[in-house]
Every structure is written in C-alpha cells, then in structure tokens.
Amino acid sequence: MSETRPVPRRESPWGITGSHHPQPKAHRCNDRAEDVIQACFEGNPFKTVPGPFKLFWQCMRSKPGEEPTEPYTYLQIDPPERKIYGMLKKLVDSRAFLT
C-alpha cells in the first residue's frame, strides 16, 4: 500500500514545516489513482482506463484493510496484501460458539 512510501513535502508560505508537525500519509488508494492516471497515457484511453478505474473505484468503496488485491496494470509495484489476522480472528471467534 501507499503508507510505506514517503510523501514528498513542500515548503509552504502558509504553514511551518518541521519536527513539530506530523508527516503526511498517502491515501490508501493513492497507488490505484496513479495507475488510472498512467493508463490515460498508455494508448487508447477508452481501452486502457476502464480496468484500472474499476479497481480504483473498488478501493475507494472498500473499508480499510479490504482493498482489492489484484495487481496494478501499469505501476511496477506489488499490490496490497490483505491482513489475514483480523479476518482469521473473526472467523475463529464466530466458530467458538459452535463447539
């Protein structure tokens, strides 16, 4: 996901940057948006954009941690992985009452 990659900072005349201010974090669907933008420049946009846009839309509508895990179409980075521990814990807790 995007959280592990640093977000570039710029100096701003309206704010003070430094150690007292938290570092910005990229949105969890930022890489999907970048994939859509890259698709716009990879040939016929009517053919290249729908696939990445569908995954971007799924990502935006999903809950944190449930983003689509399909590989990116044009970006050369690894797709996000689901955190199995939380889902596994819910499954174990839901089956605890059966025994």
PDB file of N, CA and C in Angstrom:
ATOM      1  N   MET A   1       0.816  -1.168   0.000  1.00  0.00           N
ATOM      2  CA  MET A   1       0.000   0.000   0.000  1.00  0.00           C
ATOM      3  C   MET A   1       0.870   1.244   0.000  1.00  0.00           C
ATOM      4  N   SER A   2       0.249   2.378  -0.088  1.00  0.00           N
ATOM      5  CA  SER A   2       0.961   3.635  -0.192  1.00  0.00           C
ATOM      6  C   SER A   2       1.589   4.091   1.113  1.00  0.00           C
ATOM      7  N   GLU A   3       1.106   3.603   2.243  1.00  0.00           N
ATOM      8  CA  GLU A   3       1.562   4.133   3.516  1.00  0.00           C
ATOM      9  C   GLU A   3       3.063   3.958   3.717  1.00  0.00           C
ATOM     10  N   THR A   4       3.655   2.960   3.090  1.00  0.00           N
ATOM     11  CA  THR A   4       5.070   2.706   3.298  1.00  0.00           C
ATOM     12  C   THR A   4       5.950   3.612   2.448  1.00  0.00           C
ATOM     13  N   ARG A   5       5.397   4.192   1.409  1.00  0.00           N
ATOM     14  CA  ARG A   5       6.185   5.084   0.578  1.00  0.00           C
ATOM     15  C   ARG A   5       6.082   6.503   1.112  1.00  0.00           C
ATOM     16  N   PRO A   6       7.200   7.259   1.133  1.00  0.00           N
ATOM     17  CA  PRO A   6       7.149   8.622   1.676  1.00  0.00           C
ATOM     18  C   PRO A   6       6.377   9.559   0.756  1.00  0.00           C
ATOM     19  N   VAL A   7       5.733  10.530   1.362  1.00  0.00           N
ATOM     20  CA  VAL A   7       5.003  11.557   0.621  1.00  0.00           C
ATOM     21  C   VAL A   7       5.906  12.780   0.547  1.00  0.00           C
ATOM     22  N   PRO A   8       6.154  13.323  -0.661  1.00  0.00           N
ATOM     23  CA  PRO A   8       7.034  14.482  -0.756  1.00  0.00           C
ATOM     24  C   PRO A   8       6.441  15.696  -0.041  1.00  0.00           C
ATOM     25  N   ARG A   9       7.277  16.439   0.655  1.00  0.00           N
ATOM     26  CA  ARG A   9       6.846  17.645   1.363  1.00  0.00           C
ATOM     27  C   ARG A   9       7.346  18.861   0.613  1.00  0.00           C
ATOM     28  N   ARG A  10       6.571  19.920   0.664  1.00  0.00           N
ATOM     29  CA  ARG A  10       6.967  21.189   0.051  1.00  0.00           C
ATOM     30  C   ARG A  10       6.924  22.268   1.123  1.00  0.00           C
ATOM     31  N   GLU A  11       7.767  23.267   0.942  1.00  0.00           N
ATOM     32  CA  GLU A  11       7.705  24.415   1.843  1.00  0.00           C
ATOM     33  C   GLU A  11       6.471  25.230   1.483  1.00  0.00           C
ATOM     34  N   SER A  12       5.791  25.730   2.485  1.00  0.00           N
ATOM     35  CA  SER A  12       4.567  26.471   2.246  1.00  0.00           C
ATOM     36  C   SER A  12       4.644  27.827   2.946  1.00  0.00           C
ATOM     37  N   PRO A  13       4.236  28.882   2.259  1.00  0.00           N
ATOM     38  CA  PRO A  13       4.231  30.186   2.923  1.00  0.00           C
ATOM     39  C   PRO A  13       3.127  30.293   3.987  1.00  0.00           C
ATOM     40  N   TRP A  14       2.169  29.364   3.995  1.00  0.00           N
ATOM     41  CA  TRP A  14       1.056  29.426   4.937  1.00  0.00           C
ATOM     42  C   TRP A  14       1.249  28.565   6.170  1.00  0.00           C
ATOM     43  N   GLY A  15       2.288  27.784   6.189  1.00  0.00           N
ATOM     44  CA  GLY A  15       2.479  26.905   7.329  1.00  0.00           C
ATOM     45  C   GLY A  15       3.941  26.693   7.631  1.00  0.00           C
ATOM     46  N   ILE A  16       4.180  26.205   8.804  1.00  0.00           N
ATOM     47  CA  ILE A  16       5.536  25.927   9.228  1.00  0.00           C
ATOM     48  C   ILE A  16       5.757  24.433   9.152  1.00  0.00           C
ATOM     49  N   THR A  17       6.821  24.022   8.501  1.00  0.00           N
ATOM     50  CA  THR A  17       7.153  22.611   8.461  1.00  0.00           C
ATOM     51  C   THR A  17       8.314  22.374   9.404  1.00  0.00           C
ATOM     52  N   GLY A  18       8.384  21.206   9.924  1.00  0.00           N
ATOM     53  CA  GLY A  18       9.472  20.889  10.835  1.00  0.00           C
ATOM     54  C   GLY A  18       9.132  19.676  11.664  1.00  0.00           C
ATOM     55  N   SER A  19       9.865  19.504  12.739  1.00  0.00           N
ATOM     56  CA  SER A  19       9.695  18.311  13.554  1.00  0.00           C
ATOM     57  C   SER A  19       8.420  18.333  14.390  1.00  0.00           C
ATOM     58  N   HIS A  20       7.800  19.495  14.563  1.00  0.00           N
ATOM     59  CA  HIS A  20       6.597  19.587  15.394  1.00  0.00           C
ATOM     60  C   HIS A  20       5.327  19.209  14.646  1.00  0.00           C
ATOM     61  N   HIS A  21       5.441  18.990  13.361  1.00  0.00           N
ATOM     62  CA  HIS A  21       4.257  18.693  12.554  1.00  0.00           C
ATOM     63  C   HIS A  21       4.321  17.253  12.056  1.00  0.00           C
ATOM     64  N   PRO A  22       3.208  16.548  12.101  1.00  0.00           N
ATOM     65  CA  PRO A  22       3.225  15.151  11.640  1.00  0.00           C
ATOM     66  C   PRO A  22       3.459  15.057  10.137  1.00  0.00           C
ATOM     67  N   GLN A  23       4.101  13.994   9.747  1.00  0.00           N
ATOM     68  CA  GLN A  23       4.329  13.750   8.326  1.00  0.00           C
ATOM     69  C   GLN A  23       3.022  13.337   7.671  1.00  0.00           C
ATOM     70  N   PRO A  24       2.755  13.807   6.455  1.00  0.00           N
ATOM     71  CA  PRO A  24       1.531  13.386   5.776  1.00  0.00           C
ATOM     72  C   PRO A  24       1.622  11.929   5.354  1.00  0.00           C
ATOM     73  N   LYS A  25       0.474  11.275   5.283  1.00  0.00           N
ATOM     74  CA  LYS A  25       0.419   9.897   4.798  1.00  0.00           C
ATOM     75  C   LYS A  25      -0.424   9.869   3.537  1.00  0.00           C
ATOM     76  N   ALA A  26       0.012   9.070   2.578  1.00  0.00           N
ATOM     77  CA  ALA A  26      -0.738   8.937   1.327  1.00  0.00           C
ATOM     78  C   ALA A  26      -2.044   8.197   1.594  1.00  0.00           C
ATOM     79  N   HIS A  27      -3.072   8.505   0.831  1.00  0.00           N
ATOM     80  CA  HIS A  27      -4.344   7.801   0.940  1.00  0.00           C
ATOM     81  C   HIS A  27      -4.137   6.343   0.564  1.00  0.00           C
ATOM     82  N   ARG A  28      -4.909   5.469   1.147  1.00  0.00           N
ATOM     83  CA  ARG A  28      -4.725   4.032   0.902  1.00  0.00           C
ATOM     84  C   ARG A  28      -4.983   3.654  -0.546  1.00  0.00           C
ATOM     85  N   CYS A  29      -5.707   4.463  -1.303  1.00  0.00           N
ATOM     86  CA  CYS A  29      -5.997   4.173  -2.709  1.00  0.00           C
ATOM     87  C   CYS A  29      -5.167   5.039  -3.663  1.00  0.00           C
ATOM     88  N   ASN A  30      -4.151   5.710  -3.141  1.00  0.00           N
ATOM     89  CA  ASN A  30      -3.338   6.593  -3.963  1.00  0.00           C
ATOM     90  C   ASN A  30      -2.668   5.859  -5.122  1.00  0.00           C
ATOM     91  N   ASP A  31      -2.157   4.664  -4.868  1.00  0.00           N
ATOM     92  CA  ASP A  31      -1.494   3.912  -5.939  1.00  0.00           C
ATOM     93  C   ASP A  31      -2.480   3.502  -7.026  1.00  0.00           C
ATOM     94  N   ARG A  32      -3.705   3.199  -6.653  1.00  0.00           N
ATOM     95  CA  ARG A  32      -4.732   2.874  -7.662  1.00  0.00           C
ATOM     96  C   ARG A  32      -5.031   4.099  -8.520  1.00  0.00           C
ATOM     97  N   ALA A  33      -5.084   5.286  -7.903  1.00  0.00           N
ATOM     98  CA  ALA A  33      -5.320   6.518  -8.670  1.00  0.00           C
ATOM     99  C   ALA A  33      -4.154   6.775  -9.628  1.00  0.00           C
ATOM    100  N   GLU A  34      -2.929   6.541  -9.164  1.00  0.00           N
ATOM    101  CA  GLU A  34      -1.771   6.711 -10.049  1.00  0.00           C
ATOM    102  C   GLU A  34      -1.820   5.730 -11.219  1.00  0.00           C
ATOM    103  N   ASP A  35      -2.316   4.527 -10.984  1.00  0.00           N
ATOM    104  CA  ASP A  35      -2.444   3.533 -12.055  1.00  0.00           C
ATOM    105  C   ASP A  35      -3.441   4.018 -13.108  1.00  0.00           C
ATOM    106  N   VAL A  36      -4.539   4.643 -12.673  1.00  0.00           N
ATOM    107  CA  VAL A  36      -5.535   5.185 -13.616  1.00  0.00           C
ATOM    108  C   VAL A  36      -4.914   6.314 -14.433  1.00  0.00           C
ATOM    109  N   ILE A  37      -4.169   7.193 -13.772  1.00  0.00           N
ATOM    110  CA  ILE A  37      -3.540   8.306 -14.487  1.00  0.00           C
ATOM    111  C   ILE A  37      -2.535   7.783 -15.514  1.00  0.00           C
ATOM    112  N   GLN A  38      -1.754   6.788 -15.129  1.00  0.00           N
ATOM    113  CA  GLN A  38      -0.793   6.202 -16.073  1.00  0.00           C
ATOM    114  C   GLN A  38      -1.515   5.561 -17.253  1.00  0.00           C
ATOM    115  N   ALA A  39      -2.674   4.952 -17.005  1.00  0.00           N
ATOM    116  CA  ALA A  39      -3.441   4.310 -18.073  1.00  0.00           C
ATOM    117  C   ALA A  39      -3.900   5.327 -19.123  1.00  0.00           C
ATOM    118  N   CYS A  40      -4.085   6.575 -18.711  1.00  0.00           N
ATOM    119  CA  CYS A  40      -4.514   7.614 -19.656  1.00  0.00           C
ATOM    120  C   CYS A  40      -3.473   7.860 -20.741  1.00  0.00           C
ATOM    121  N   PHE A  41      -2.213   7.518 -20.474  1.00  0.00           N
ATOM    122  CA  PHE A  41      -1.125   7.798 -21.408  1.00  0.00           C
ATOM    123  C   PHE A  41      -0.576   6.547 -22.071  1.00  0.00           C
ATOM    124  N   GLU A  42      -1.263   5.436 -21.951  1.00  0.00           N
ATOM    125  CA  GLU A  42      -0.755   4.164 -22.480  1.00  0.00           C
ATOM    126  C   GLU A  42      -1.500   3.698 -23.733  1.00  0.00           C
ATOM    127  N   GLY A  43      -1.924   4.596 -24.562  1.00  0.00           N
ATOM    128  CA  GLY A  43      -2.624   4.200 -25.781  1.00  0.00           C
ATOM    129  C   GLY A  43      -4.031   4.773 -25.787  1.00  0.00           C
ATOM    130  N   ASN A  44      -4.953   4.011 -26.299  1.00  0.00           N
ATOM    131  CA  ASN A  44      -6.347   4.450 -26.382  1.00  0.00           C
ATOM    132  C   ASN A  44      -6.970   4.423 -24.987  1.00  0.00           C
ATOM    133  N   PRO A  45      -7.288   5.593 -24.411  1.00  0.00           N
ATOM    134  CA  PRO A  45      -7.836   5.625 -23.053  1.00  0.00           C
ATOM    135  C   PRO A  45      -9.155   4.865 -22.906  1.00  0.00           C
ATOM    136  N   PHE A  46      -9.904   4.739 -23.989  1.00  0.00           N
ATOM    137  CA  PHE A  46     -11.164   4.003 -23.899  1.00  0.00           C
ATOM    138  C   PHE A  46     -10.923   2.514 -23.639  1.00  0.00           C
ATOM    139  N   LYS A  47      -9.724   2.051 -23.984  1.00  0.00           N
ATOM    140  CA  LYS A  47      -9.385   0.645 -23.755  1.00  0.00           C
ATOM    141  C   LYS A  47      -8.502   0.445 -22.526  1.00  0.00           C
ATOM    142  N   THR A  48      -7.670   1.428 -22.196  1.00  0.00           N
ATOM    143  CA  THR A  48      -6.705   1.241 -21.116  1.00  0.00           C
ATOM    144  C   THR A  48      -7.211   1.691 -19.749  1.00  0.00           C
ATOM    145  N   VAL A  49      -8.143   2.625 -19.682  1.00  0.00           N
ATOM    146  CA  VAL A  49      -8.573   3.187 -18.402  1.00  0.00           C
ATOM    147  C   VAL A  49      -9.612   2.349 -17.659  1.00  0.00           C
ATOM    148  N   PRO A  50     -10.576   1.691 -18.310  1.00  0.00           N
ATOM    149  CA  PRO A  50     -11.643   1.023 -17.551  1.00  0.00           C
ATOM    150  C   PRO A  50     -11.173   0.002 -16.524  1.00  0.00           C
ATOM    151  N   GLY A  51     -10.178  -0.805 -16.827  1.00  0.00           N
ATOM    152  CA  GLY A  51      -9.709  -1.815 -15.871  1.00  0.00           C
ATOM    153  C   GLY A  51      -9.120  -1.200 -14.613  1.00  0.00           C
ATOM    154  N   PRO A  52      -8.114  -0.307 -14.749  1.00  0.00           N
ATOM    155  CA  PRO A  52      -7.565   0.332 -13.566  1.00  0.00           C
ATOM    156  C   PRO A  52      -8.590   1.183 -12.812  1.00  0.00           C
ATOM    157  N   PHE A  53      -9.519   1.832 -13.547  1.00  0.00           N
ATOM    158  CA  PHE A  53     -10.521   2.650 -12.863  1.00  0.00           C
ATOM    159  C   PHE A  53     -11.475   1.789 -12.046  1.00  0.00           C
ATOM    160  N   LYS A  54     -11.811   0.609 -12.551  1.00  0.00           N
ATOM    161  CA  LYS A  54     -12.680  -0.302 -11.800  1.00  0.00           C
ATOM    162  C   LYS A  54     -12.028  -0.681 -10.471  1.00  0.00           C
ATOM    163  N   LEU A  55     -10.726  -0.987 -10.496  1.00  0.00           N
ATOM    164  CA  LEU A  55     -10.019  -1.337  -9.266  1.00  0.00           C
ATOM    165  C   LEU A  55      -9.896  -0.135  -8.336  1.00  0.00           C
ATOM    166  N   PHE A  56      -9.688   1.059  -8.908  1.00  0.00           N
ATOM    167  CA  PHE A  56      -9.643   2.273  -8.088  1.00  0.00           C
ATOM    168  C   PHE A  56     -10.988   2.499  -7.403  1.00  0.00           C
ATOM    169  N   TRP A  57     -12.062   2.339  -8.138  1.00  0.00           N
ATOM    170  CA  TRP A  57     -13.401   2.546  -7.576  1.00  0.00           C
ATOM    171  C   TRP A  57     -13.695   1.518  -6.476  1.00  0.00           C
ATOM    172  N   GLN A  58     -13.291   0.274  -6.695  1.00  0.00           N
ATOM    173  CA  GLN A  58     -13.467  -0.745  -5.660  1.00  0.00           C
ATOM    174  C   GLN A  58     -12.676  -0.389  -4.405  1.00  0.00           C
ATOM    175  N   CYS A  59     -11.488   0.133  -4.606  1.00  0.00           N
ATOM    176  CA  CYS A  59     -10.643   0.521  -3.475  1.00  0.00           C
ATOM    177  C   CYS A  59     -11.294   1.656  -2.691  1.00  0.00           C
ATOM    178  N   MET A  60     -11.811   2.644  -3.384  1.00  0.00           N
ATOM    179  CA  MET A  60     -12.434   3.788  -2.700  1.00  0.00           C
ATOM    180  C   MET A  60     -13.690   3.375  -1.943  1.00  0.00           C
ATOM    181  N   ARG A  61     -14.419   2.410  -2.454  1.00  0.00           N
ATOM    182  CA  ARG A  61     -15.656   1.975  -1.809  1.00  0.00           C
ATOM    183  C   ARG A  61     -15.422   0.927  -0.720  1.00  0.00           C
ATOM    184  N   SER A  62     -14.208   0.384  -0.647  1.00  0.00           N
ATOM    185  CA  SER A  62     -13.924  -0.661   0.331  1.00  0.00           C
ATOM    186  C   SER A  62     -13.570  -0.056   1.687  1.00  0.00           C
ATOM    187  N   LYS A  63     -13.637  -0.904   2.691  1.00  0.00           N
ATOM    188  CA  LYS A  63     -13.228  -0.497   4.032  1.00  0.00           C
ATOM    189  C   LYS A  63     -11.714  -0.626   4.135  1.00  0.00           C
ATOM    190  N   PRO A  64     -11.087   0.126   5.041  1.00  0.00           N
ATOM    191  CA  PRO A  64      -9.639  -0.020   5.222  1.00  0.00           C
ATOM    192  C   PRO A  64      -9.266  -1.468   5.550  1.00  0.00           C
ATOM    193  N   GLY A  65      -8.291  -1.979   4.831  1.00  0.00           N
ATOM    194  CA  GLY A  65      -7.860  -3.357   5.004  1.00  0.00           C
ATOM    195  C   GLY A  65      -8.537  -4.328   4.059  1.00  0.00           C
ATOM    196  N   GLU A  66      -9.567  -3.875   3.339  1.00  0.00           N
ATOM    197  CA  GLU A  66     -10.290  -4.742   2.404  1.00  0.00           C
ATOM    198  C   GLU A  66     -10.131  -4.267   0.965  1.00  0.00           C
ATOM    199  N   GLU A  67      -9.034  -3.583   0.672  1.00  0.00           N
ATOM    200  CA  GLU A  67      -8.787  -3.071  -0.676  1.00  0.00           C
ATOM    201  C   GLU A  67      -8.568  -4.231  -1.641  1.00  0.00           C
ATOM    202  N   PRO A  68      -8.843  -4.032  -2.934  1.00  0.00           N
ATOM    203  CA  PRO A  68      -8.619  -5.111  -3.910  1.00  0.00           C
ATOM    204  C   PRO A  68      -7.147  -5.505  -3.958  1.00  0.00           C
ATOM    205  N   THR A  69      -6.902  -6.791  -4.119  1.00  0.00           N
ATOM    206  CA  THR A  69      -5.523  -7.294  -4.134  1.00  0.00           C
ATOM    207  C   THR A  69      -5.044  -7.645  -5.534  1.00  0.00           C
ATOM    208  N   GLU A  70      -5.823  -7.322  -6.556  1.00  0.00           N
ATOM    209  CA  GLU A  70      -5.397  -7.583  -7.925  1.00  0.00           C
ATOM    210  C   GLU A  70      -4.165  -6.741  -8.239  1.00  0.00           C
ATOM    211  N   PRO A  71      -3.272  -7.236  -9.093  1.00  0.00           N
ATOM    212  CA  PRO A  71      -2.065  -6.467  -9.407  1.00  0.00           C
ATOM    213  C   PRO A  71      -2.388  -5.181 -10.162  1.00  0.00           C
ATOM    214  N   TYR A  72      -1.490  -4.223 -10.031  1.00  0.00           N
ATOM    215  CA  TYR A  72      -1.638  -2.968 -10.768  1.00  0.00           C
ATOM    216  C   TYR A  72      -1.411  -3.239 -12.248  1.00  0.00           C
ATOM    217  N   THR A  73      -2.076  -2.480 -13.093  1.00  0.00           N
ATOM    218  CA  THR A  73      -1.970  -2.691 -14.531  1.00  0.00           C
ATOM    219  C   THR A  73      -0.701  -2.070 -15.093  1.00  0.00           C
ATOM    220  N   TYR A  74      -0.367  -0.860 -14.668  1.00  0.00           N
ATOM    221  CA  TYR A  74       0.761  -0.150 -15.257  1.00  0.00           C
ATOM    222  C   TYR A  74       1.864   0.180 -14.255  1.00  0.00           C
ATOM    223  N   LEU A  75       1.579   0.264 -12.988  1.00  0.00           N
ATOM    224  CA  LEU A  75       2.617   0.538 -11.997  1.00  0.00           C
ATOM    225  C   LEU A  75       3.430  -0.723 -11.751  1.00  0.00           C
ATOM    226  N   GLN A  76       4.699  -0.552 -11.525  1.00  0.00           N
ATOM    227  CA  GLN A  76       5.593  -1.690 -11.308  1.00  0.00           C
ATOM    228  C   GLN A  76       5.860  -1.877  -9.813  1.00  0.00           C
ATOM    229  N   ILE A  77       4.790  -1.931  -9.015  1.00  0.00           N
ATOM    230  CA  ILE A  77       4.918  -2.172  -7.578  1.00  0.00           C
ATOM    231  C   ILE A  77       4.010  -3.330  -7.200  1.00  0.00           C
ATOM    232  N   ASP A  78       4.286  -3.911  -6.047  1.00  0.00           N
ATOM    233  CA  ASP A  78       3.487  -5.048  -5.589  1.00  0.00           C
ATOM    234  C   ASP A  78       2.103  -4.583  -5.151  1.00  0.00           C
ATOM    235  N   PRO A  79       1.068  -5.371  -5.433  1.00  0.00           N
ATOM    236  CA  PRO A  79      -0.279  -4.996  -4.992  1.00  0.00           C
ATOM    237  C   PRO A  79      -0.399  -5.124  -3.479  1.00  0.00           C
ATOM    238  N   PRO A  80      -1.384  -4.463  -2.889  1.00  0.00           N
ATOM    239  CA  PRO A  80      -1.570  -4.567  -1.440  1.00  0.00           C
ATOM    240  C   PRO A  80      -1.972  -5.981  -1.043  1.00  0.00           C
ATOM    241  N   GLU A  81      -1.608  -6.353   0.165  1.00  0.00           N
ATOM    242  CA  GLU A  81      -1.974  -7.667   0.695  1.00  0.00           C
ATOM    243  C   GLU A  81      -3.009  -7.472   1.790  1.00  0.00           C
ATOM    244  N   ARG A  82      -3.925  -8.390   1.860  1.00  0.00           N
ATOM    245  CA  ARG A  82      -4.914  -8.323   2.930  1.00  0.00           C
ATOM    246  C   ARG A  82      -4.305  -8.821   4.221  1.00  0.00           C
ATOM    247  N   LYS A  83      -4.711  -8.221   5.302  1.00  0.00           N
ATOM    248  CA  LYS A  83      -4.257  -8.656   6.607  1.00  0.00           C
ATOM    249  C   LYS A  83      -5.165  -9.781   7.067  1.00  0.00           C
ATOM    250  N   ILE A  84      -4.672 -10.986   6.988  1.00  0.00           N
ATOM    251  CA  ILE A  84      -5.456 -12.175   7.271  1.00  0.00           C
ATOM    252  C   ILE A  84      -5.761 -12.304   8.760  1.00  0.00           C
ATOM    253  N   TYR A  85      -4.884 -11.778   9.614  1.00  0.00           N
ATOM    254  CA  TYR A  85      -5.034 -11.990  11.039  1.00  0.00           C
ATOM    255  C   TYR A  85      -6.398 -11.518  11.545  1.00  0.00           C
ATOM    256  N   GLY A  86      -6.817 -10.326  11.158  1.00  0.00           N
ATOM    257  CA  GLY A  86      -8.099  -9.795  11.621  1.00  0.00           C
ATOM    258  C   GLY A  86      -9.271 -10.641  11.149  1.00  0.00           C
ATOM    259  N   MET A  87      -9.222 -11.067   9.880  1.00  0.00           N
ATOM    260  CA  MET A  87     -10.304 -11.892   9.344  1.00  0.00           C
ATOM    261  C   MET A  87     -10.298 -13.276   9.985  1.00  0.00           C
ATOM    262  N   LEU A  88      -9.094 -13.823  10.210  1.00  0.00           N
ATOM    263  CA  LEU A  88      -8.976 -15.135  10.821  1.00  0.00           C
ATOM    264  C   LEU A  88      -9.488 -15.100  12.257  1.00  0.00           C
ATOM    265  N   LYS A  89      -9.169 -14.033  12.963  1.00  0.00           N
ATOM    266  CA  LYS A  89      -9.635 -13.894  14.345  1.00  0.00           C
ATOM    267  C   LYS A  89     -11.162 -13.836  14.396  1.00  0.00           C
ATOM    268  N   LYS A  90     -11.777 -13.094  13.476  1.00  0.00           N
ATOM    269  CA  LYS A  90     -13.235 -13.019  13.434  1.00  0.00           C
ATOM    270  C   LYS A  90     -13.835 -14.393  13.150  1.00  0.00           C
ATOM    271  N   LEU A  91     -13.207 -15.148  12.239  1.00  0.00           N
ATOM    272  CA  LEU A  91     -13.696 -16.475  11.899  1.00  0.00           C
ATOM    273  C   LEU A  91     -13.605 -17.393  13.095  1.00  0.00           C
ATOM    274  N   VAL A  92     -12.481 -17.372  13.793  1.00  0.00           N
ATOM    275  CA  VAL A  92     -12.310 -18.226  14.975  1.00  0.00           C
ATOM    276  C   VAL A  92     -13.313 -17.828  16.049  1.00  0.00           C
ATOM    277  N   ASP A  93     -13.517 -16.537  16.266  1.00  0.00           N
ATOM    278  CA  ASP A  93     -14.475 -16.088  17.267  1.00  0.00           C
ATOM    279  C   ASP A  93     -15.900 -16.478  16.900  1.00  0.00           C
ATOM    280  N   SER A  94     -16.225 -16.412  15.614  1.00  0.00           N
ATOM    281  CA  SER A  94     -17.590 -16.747  15.190  1.00  0.00           C
ATOM    282  C   SER A  94     -17.859 -18.248  15.316  1.00  0.00           C
ATOM    283  N   ARG A  95     -16.820 -19.076  15.197  1.00  0.00           N
ATOM    284  CA  ARG A  95     -16.992 -20.515  15.313  1.00  0.00           C
ATOM    285  C   ARG A  95     -16.852 -21.009  16.757  1.00  0.00           C
ATOM    286  N   ALA A  96     -16.454 -20.160  17.662  1.00  0.00           N
ATOM    287  CA  ALA A  96     -16.244 -20.566  19.049  1.00  0.00           C
ATOM    288  C   ALA A  96     -17.564 -21.001  19.698  1.00  0.00           C
ATOM    289  N   PHE A  97     -18.655 -20.363  19.300  1.00  0.00           N
ATOM    290  CA  PHE A  97     -19.926 -20.711  19.913  1.00  0.00           C
ATOM    291  C   PHE A  97     -20.475 -22.039  19.401  1.00  0.00           C
ATOM    292  N   LEU A  98     -19.921 -22.568  18.311  1.00  0.00           N
ATOM    293  CA  LEU A  98     -20.417 -23.824  17.748  1.00  0.00           C
ATOM    294  C   LEU A  98     -19.928 -25.034  18.539  1.00  0.00           C
ATOM    295  N   THR A  99     -18.810 -24.916  19.246  1.00  0.00           N
ATOM    296  CA  THR A  99     -18.259 -26.079  19.945  1.00  0.00           C
ATOM    297  C   THR A  99     -18.706 -26.133  21.378  1.00  0.00           C
TER     298      THR A  99
END
